Amino acid sequence: MVKGFPGKLKKKNSKKLPKEFRELFLGDGAEPVTDELINELVDNGWSEVELRRYQQEGAIYSRPRNSMLYPPEYGSSEDF
């Protein structure tokens, strides 16, 4: 899992980057965690309990990375 996928923070010219780069590092092609996706991932060995938690937390799934990505988190500098 990766917290802070770039989402709307992508640069306007990111489409000039290779597709593989955009998928792996910018989260292009990531999909919401649906019930159908959960069933597919459980069949591939993922924990259904964890997948339901990811779904509730708003994570998205990246097939090229085979991992969950989370929206960016913002906080004060005191959090670091």
Protein backbone atom coordinates (compact mmCIF):
# COMPACT_ATOMS: atom_id res chain seq x y z
CA MET A 1 0.00 0.00 0.00
CA VAL A 2 1.14 3.47 -0.79
CA LYS A 3 -0.30 6.53 0.86
CA GLY A 4 -0.55 9.59 -1.33
CA PHE A 5 -1.12 8.68 -4.97
CA PRO A 6 -0.65 11.79 -7.10
CA GLY A 7 -4.29 12.05 -8.23
CA LYS A 8 -5.05 15.62 -9.30
CA LEU A 9 -1.51 16.71 -8.54
CA LYS A 10 -0.27 15.31 -11.87
CA LYS A 11 1.46 17.79 -14.12
CA LYS A 12 -0.33 18.79 -17.30
CA ASN A 13 2.38 17.26 -19.47
CA SER A 14 2.36 13.86 -17.72
CA LYS A 15 0.73 12.33 -20.83
CA LYS A 16 4.09 12.74 -22.56
CA LEU A 17 5.58 10.14 -20.21
CA PRO A 18 5.61 6.46 -21.20
CA LYS A 19 2.41 4.56 -20.32
CA GLU A 20 4.29 2.15 -18.04
CA PHE A 21 5.76 5.06 -16.07
CA ARG A 22 2.36 6.72 -15.70
CA GLU A 23 0.79 3.46 -14.49
CA LEU A 24 3.53 2.60 -12.01
CA PHE A 25 4.39 6.02 -10.62
CA LEU A 26 1.36 8.23 -11.25
CA GLY A 27 -1.40 5.68 -10.66
CA ASP A 28 -2.91 5.91 -14.16
CA GLY A 29 -5.39 3.12 -14.75
CA ALA A 30 -5.96 2.50 -11.05
CA GLU A 31 -9.47 1.34 -10.26
CA PRO A 32 -11.85 1.62 -7.31
CA VAL A 33 -12.04 -1.30 -4.89
CA THR A 34 -15.38 -2.81 -5.87
CA ASP A 35 -17.02 -6.00 -4.62
CA GLU A 36 -16.10 -7.68 -7.92
CA LEU A 37 -12.47 -6.66 -7.56
CA ILE A 38 -12.44 -7.88 -3.96
CA ASN A 39 -13.69 -11.31 -5.11
CA GLU A 40 -10.99 -11.43 -7.78
CA LEU A 41 -8.22 -10.47 -5.35
CA VAL A 42 -9.43 -12.93 -2.68
CA ASP A 43 -9.16 -15.66 -5.32
CA ASN A 44 -5.55 -14.51 -5.80
CA GLY A 45 -4.71 -14.80 -2.10
CA TRP A 46 -5.55 -11.36 -0.68
CA SER A 47 -7.29 -11.09 2.69
CA GLU A 48 -10.98 -10.15 2.34
CA VAL A 49 -10.93 -8.37 5.70
CA GLU A 50 -8.05 -6.15 4.58
CA LEU A 51 -9.65 -5.53 1.19
CA ARG A 52 -12.89 -4.40 2.84
CA ARG A 53 -10.88 -2.01 5.00
CA TYR A 54 -9.11 -0.62 1.93
CA GLN A 55 -12.50 -0.17 0.28
CA GLN A 56 -13.86 1.77 3.27
CA GLU A 57 -10.72 3.93 3.42
CA GLY A 58 -11.06 4.98 -0.21
CA ALA A 59 -8.02 3.17 -1.58
CA ILE A 60 -7.73 2.37 -5.28
CA TYR A 61 -6.08 -0.68 -6.85
CA SER A 62 -3.20 -0.55 -9.33
CA ARG A 63 -2.96 -3.71 -11.44
CA PRO A 64 0.56 -3.02 -12.75
CA ARG A 65 1.82 -2.59 -9.19
CA ASN A 66 -0.54 -5.18 -7.68
CA SER A 67 -1.01 -2.80 -4.79
CA MET A 68 -3.40 -0.36 -3.17
CA LEU A 69 -2.92 3.39 -3.42
CA TYR A 70 -4.38 6.00 -1.10
CA PRO A 71 -5.27 9.63 -1.72
CA PRO A 72 -2.74 12.23 -0.58
CA GLU A 73 -2.81 13.15 3.08
CA TYR A 74 -2.23 16.70 4.18
CA GLY A 75 -1.31 17.79 7.65
CA SER A 76 0.68 20.29 9.58
CA SER A 77 4.45 20.28 9.74
CA GLU A 78 4.05 19.15 13.35
CA ASP A 79 2.98 15.75 12.04
CA PHE A 80 6.54 15.07 10.84
